[in-house]
Amino acid sequence: MIFDKLYGRQRDIMQLIYNVSTEEAIININKYMDNNNLKDRDLARDLDGLKEMGYLEFSWGMRYSLFNFQVTPKGRSYFEMEKDFEKLQKNRVSNQYNVGTINATGSNVTFGDVISSTQSIDNSVQSIEKRIDEMGAEDKEALKELLEEAKEIAENIKETKSIHTNNGFIKRLGKHFEKHNWFYSSILELFGNTVIGTLQNK
C-alpha cells in the first residue's frame, strides 16, 4: 500500500480524529469547522479527499450530515507511517552516494534501499523481527508468523510482478492493529517498497 502524505487542513483533521472514538471525532470536526470558519463544502472536499486515499469511510446525508463515519486502519496508523516515511526520506538523502554501485548490479533504488532485491526484503524482515522481540510481548509468535507470511507475499510480488488477493492475511493482520499499530505500518512499508520496486522494473 502506497503512503499518501497529508498536508494543511487534511493533516489537521486527521490529527484530531485518528485515535479517538467516532463520536469524539465528529465533535472535533465540528469544533475545527467553527474555529476556522470553514464552510460545509470546504470540509466536504477535505473529507472526500481523505476517503479517496483510504483514511476514512463514511456516507453523506442531507445538508452534509455524516453517516457510518469511521477512521480506517490505514487512517489510524497514519502518523506512524508518516514517521517511517520521513525516516526513509532521510535515509534516501544520506545513501545517495551508493546509487552508482547499486545500479552496476542492475537494481533500482528507492528510499535509499535496493527494493527490488531479495536481500532488501530480508533486511526489512530482520528489522521488523527485532522490533517484535522488543515490543511484541505475549504476541511475539503470532506476529512472527504473520511476518513470515508477509515476506512470502513480498517475494511473490517481486517474482511474479503481480498482486493476488489475500483477504485471510489482511484479516489476521488487522486483528493486531489496535495493540501493535507499529507492526501494521511496518508491513505496509514492506509491501509498499516492494510494489514500487516492481513498478520501476517493469
Protein backbone atom coordinates (compact mmCIF):
# COMPACT_ATOMS: atom_id res chain seq x y z
CA MET A 1 0.00 0.00 0.00
CA ILE A 2 1.38 3.36 -1.05
CA PHE A 3 1.69 6.06 1.62
CA ASP A 4 -0.29 9.24 0.87
CA LYS A 5 1.24 12.16 2.77
CA LEU A 6 -1.22 14.73 4.10
CA TYR A 7 -0.78 18.49 4.23
CA GLY A 8 -2.63 21.51 5.59
CA ARG A 9 -6.25 21.08 6.68
CA GLN A 10 -6.41 17.38 5.85
CA ARG A 11 -3.49 16.64 8.16
CA ASP A 12 -5.01 18.88 10.87
CA ILE A 13 -8.30 16.98 10.64
CA MET A 14 -6.57 13.60 10.76
CA GLN A 15 -4.67 14.68 13.86
CA LEU A 16 -7.98 15.46 15.59
CA ILE A 17 -9.70 12.15 14.76
CA TYR A 18 -7.22 9.32 14.20
CA ASN A 19 -7.10 7.97 17.77
CA VAL A 20 -10.49 8.89 19.26
CA SER A 21 -13.98 7.37 19.16
CA THR A 22 -16.38 8.12 16.29
CA GLU A 23 -18.45 10.45 18.50
CA GLU A 24 -15.37 12.41 19.59
CA ALA A 25 -14.11 12.56 16.00
CA ILE A 26 -17.32 14.20 14.76
CA ILE A 27 -17.33 16.64 17.71
CA ASN A 28 -13.70 17.55 16.94
CA ILE A 29 -14.50 18.06 13.25
CA ASN A 30 -17.39 20.42 14.12
CA LYS A 31 -15.18 22.39 16.51
CA TYR A 32 -12.46 22.63 13.85
CA MET A 33 -15.03 23.99 11.38
CA ASP A 34 -16.20 26.65 13.83
CA ASN A 35 -12.69 27.67 14.91
CA ASN A 36 -11.51 28.02 11.30
CA ASN A 37 -14.72 29.49 9.83
CA LEU A 38 -14.94 26.63 7.35
CA LYS A 39 -17.92 26.26 5.04
CA ASP A 40 -19.61 22.87 4.68
CA ARG A 41 -18.42 22.45 1.11
CA ASP A 42 -14.78 23.13 2.10
CA LEU A 43 -14.89 20.50 4.83
CA ALA A 44 -16.66 18.09 2.45
CA ARG A 45 -13.84 18.48 -0.06
CA ASP A 46 -11.24 17.68 2.61
CA LEU A 47 -13.15 14.67 3.95
CA ASP A 48 -13.79 13.33 0.44
CA GLY A 49 -10.05 13.53 -0.21
CA LEU A 50 -9.28 11.58 2.97
CA LYS A 51 -11.87 8.98 1.98
CA GLU A 52 -10.39 8.70 -1.52
CA MET A 53 -6.96 7.99 -0.02
CA GLY A 54 -8.42 5.27 2.19
CA TYR A 55 -8.08 7.07 5.53
CA LEU A 56 -11.83 7.42 6.20
CA GLU A 57 -15.11 5.62 5.48
CA PHE A 58 -18.46 7.42 5.54
CA SER A 59 -21.58 8.33 3.57
CA TRP A 60 -23.07 11.78 3.03
CA GLY A 61 -26.63 12.55 4.12
CA MET A 62 -28.71 15.66 3.58
CA ARG A 63 -27.07 19.02 4.34
CA TYR A 64 -23.61 17.48 4.67
CA SER A 65 -24.55 15.16 7.55
CA LEU A 66 -22.21 12.18 8.02
CA PHE A 67 -23.36 8.55 8.23
CA ASN A 68 -21.38 5.39 9.10
CA PHE A 69 -18.33 7.52 9.80
CA GLN A 70 -15.16 5.69 10.79
CA VAL A 71 -11.40 6.07 10.59
CA THR A 72 -9.93 3.09 8.72
CA PRO A 73 -6.91 1.06 9.96
CA LYS A 74 -4.84 2.95 7.40
CA GLY A 75 -6.07 6.23 8.89
CA ARG A 76 -5.38 5.15 12.47
CA SER A 77 -1.80 4.25 11.57
CA TYR A 78 -1.23 7.46 9.53
CA PHE A 79 1.15 9.24 11.92
CA GLU A 80 3.18 6.07 12.50
CA MET A 81 3.51 5.70 8.72
CA GLU A 82 4.37 9.40 8.35
CA LYS A 83 7.20 8.98 10.85
CA ASP A 84 8.54 5.96 8.93
CA PHE A 85 8.17 7.82 5.62
CA GLU A 86 10.20 10.79 6.87
CA LYS A 87 12.88 8.44 8.20
CA LEU A 88 13.05 6.73 4.79
CA GLN A 89 13.33 10.11 3.07
CA LYS A 90 16.31 11.00 5.28
CA ASN A 91 17.91 7.64 4.52
CA ARG A 92 17.37 8.28 0.83
CA VAL A 93 19.37 11.51 1.01
CA SER A 94 22.15 10.01 3.15
CA ASN A 95 22.50 6.94 0.92
CA GLN A 96 22.55 8.65 -2.48
CA TYR A 97 26.30 8.12 -2.85
CA ASN A 98 25.63 4.37 -3.19
CA VAL A 99 23.42 4.68 -6.25
CA GLY A 100 26.25 4.21 -8.76
CA THR A 101 27.42 0.94 -7.26
CA ILE A 102 23.94 -0.42 -6.87
CA ASN A 103 22.99 0.46 -10.44
CA ALA A 104 26.00 -1.50 -11.63
CA THR A 105 24.21 -4.66 -10.44
CA GLY A 106 21.09 -3.76 -12.40
CA SER A 107 18.99 -2.98 -9.31
CA ASN A 108 16.85 0.07 -8.61
CA VAL A 109 16.94 2.38 -5.63
CA THR A 110 14.07 3.94 -3.72
CA PHE A 111 14.20 5.43 -0.21
CA GLY A 112 17.90 4.52 -0.11
CA ASP A 113 17.27 0.75 -0.35
CA VAL A 114 17.66 -1.84 -3.10
CA ILE A 115 13.98 -2.61 -3.02
CA SER A 116 13.98 -5.00 -5.98
CA SER A 117 16.41 -7.42 -4.32
CA THR A 118 15.73 -10.36 -2.03
CA GLN A 119 18.46 -9.02 0.25
CA SER A 120 16.43 -5.83 0.85
CA ILE A 121 13.32 -7.83 1.77
CA ASP A 122 15.42 -9.92 4.15
CA ASN A 123 16.88 -6.76 5.73
CA SER A 124 13.41 -5.28 6.26
CA VAL A 125 12.15 -8.55 7.74
CA GLN A 126 15.13 -8.73 10.12
CA SER A 127 14.46 -5.15 11.25
CA ILE A 128 10.77 -5.91 11.91
CA GLU A 129 11.68 -9.15 13.69
CA LYS A 130 13.95 -7.20 16.02
CA ARG A 131 11.09 -4.86 16.90
CA ILE A 132 8.83 -7.86 17.53
CA ASP A 133 11.35 -9.20 20.05
CA GLU A 134 11.45 -5.81 21.75
CA MET A 135 7.75 -4.87 21.61
CA GLY A 136 5.71 -7.95 20.76
CA ALA A 137 5.19 -9.12 24.37
CA GLU A 138 2.89 -12.17 24.50
CA ASP A 139 2.03 -11.80 20.78
CA LYS A 140 5.59 -12.43 19.56
CA GLU A 141 4.90 -15.83 17.99
CA ALA A 142 1.73 -14.69 16.22
CA LEU A 143 3.48 -11.58 14.87
CA LYS A 144 6.46 -13.62 13.66
CA GLU A 145 4.12 -16.00 11.80
CA LEU A 146 2.45 -13.02 10.12
CA LEU A 147 5.85 -11.55 9.28
CA GLU A 148 6.94 -14.80 7.63
CA GLU A 149 3.74 -14.80 5.59
CA ALA A 150 4.28 -11.14 4.66
CA LYS A 151 7.81 -11.98 3.49
CA GLU A 152 6.44 -14.72 1.21
CA ILE A 153 3.86 -12.31 -0.22
CA ALA A 154 6.53 -9.63 -0.85
CA GLU A 155 8.82 -12.14 -2.57
CA ASN A 156 5.90 -13.37 -4.68
CA ILE A 157 5.10 -9.78 -5.75
CA LYS A 158 8.75 -9.27 -6.71
CA GLU A 159 8.98 -12.52 -8.70
CA THR A 160 5.58 -12.52 -10.45
CA LYS A 161 5.20 -8.71 -10.76
CA SER A 162 1.55 -9.09 -9.74
CA ILE A 163 -0.52 -8.83 -6.56
CA HIS A 164 -3.02 -11.51 -5.62
CA THR A 165 -5.98 -11.13 -3.26
CA ASN A 166 -5.32 -12.47 0.24
CA ASN A 167 -8.21 -11.47 2.48
CA GLY A 168 -7.24 -14.02 5.13
CA PHE A 169 -3.86 -12.38 5.66
CA ILE A 170 -5.39 -8.89 5.80
CA LYS A 171 -7.90 -10.01 8.45
CA ARG A 172 -5.20 -11.65 10.55
CA LEU A 173 -3.03 -8.54 10.24
CA GLY A 174 -5.96 -6.28 11.20
CA LYS A 175 -6.51 -8.20 14.46
CA HIS A 176 -3.21 -6.86 15.77
CA PHE A 177 -3.75 -3.26 14.67
CA GLU A 178 -5.07 -1.78 17.92
CA LYS A 179 -2.32 -3.27 20.08
CA HIS A 180 0.61 -3.23 17.62
CA ASN A 181 -0.03 -0.49 15.04
CA TRP A 182 3.75 -0.15 14.58
CA PHE A 183 3.72 -3.71 13.19
CA TYR A 184 0.83 -2.89 10.85
CA SER A 185 2.62 0.14 9.42
CA SER A 186 5.91 -1.81 9.08
CA ILE A 187 4.17 -4.46 6.97
CA LEU A 188 2.57 -1.75 4.82
CA GLU A 189 6.01 -0.21 4.33
CA LEU A 190 7.47 -3.59 3.31
CA PHE A 191 4.72 -4.12 0.72
CA GLY A 192 4.86 -0.51 -0.49
CA ASN A 193 8.59 -0.63 -1.13
CA THR A 194 8.26 -3.99 -2.90
CA VAL A 195 5.46 -2.70 -5.16
CA ILE A 196 7.40 0.48 -6.05
CA GLY A 197 10.43 -1.63 -6.92
CA THR A 198 8.28 -3.88 -9.10
CA LEU A 199 6.78 -0.87 -10.92
CA GLN A 200 10.25 0.52 -11.58
CA ASN A 201 11.42 -2.79 -13.02
CA LYS A 202 8.54 -3.12 -15.50
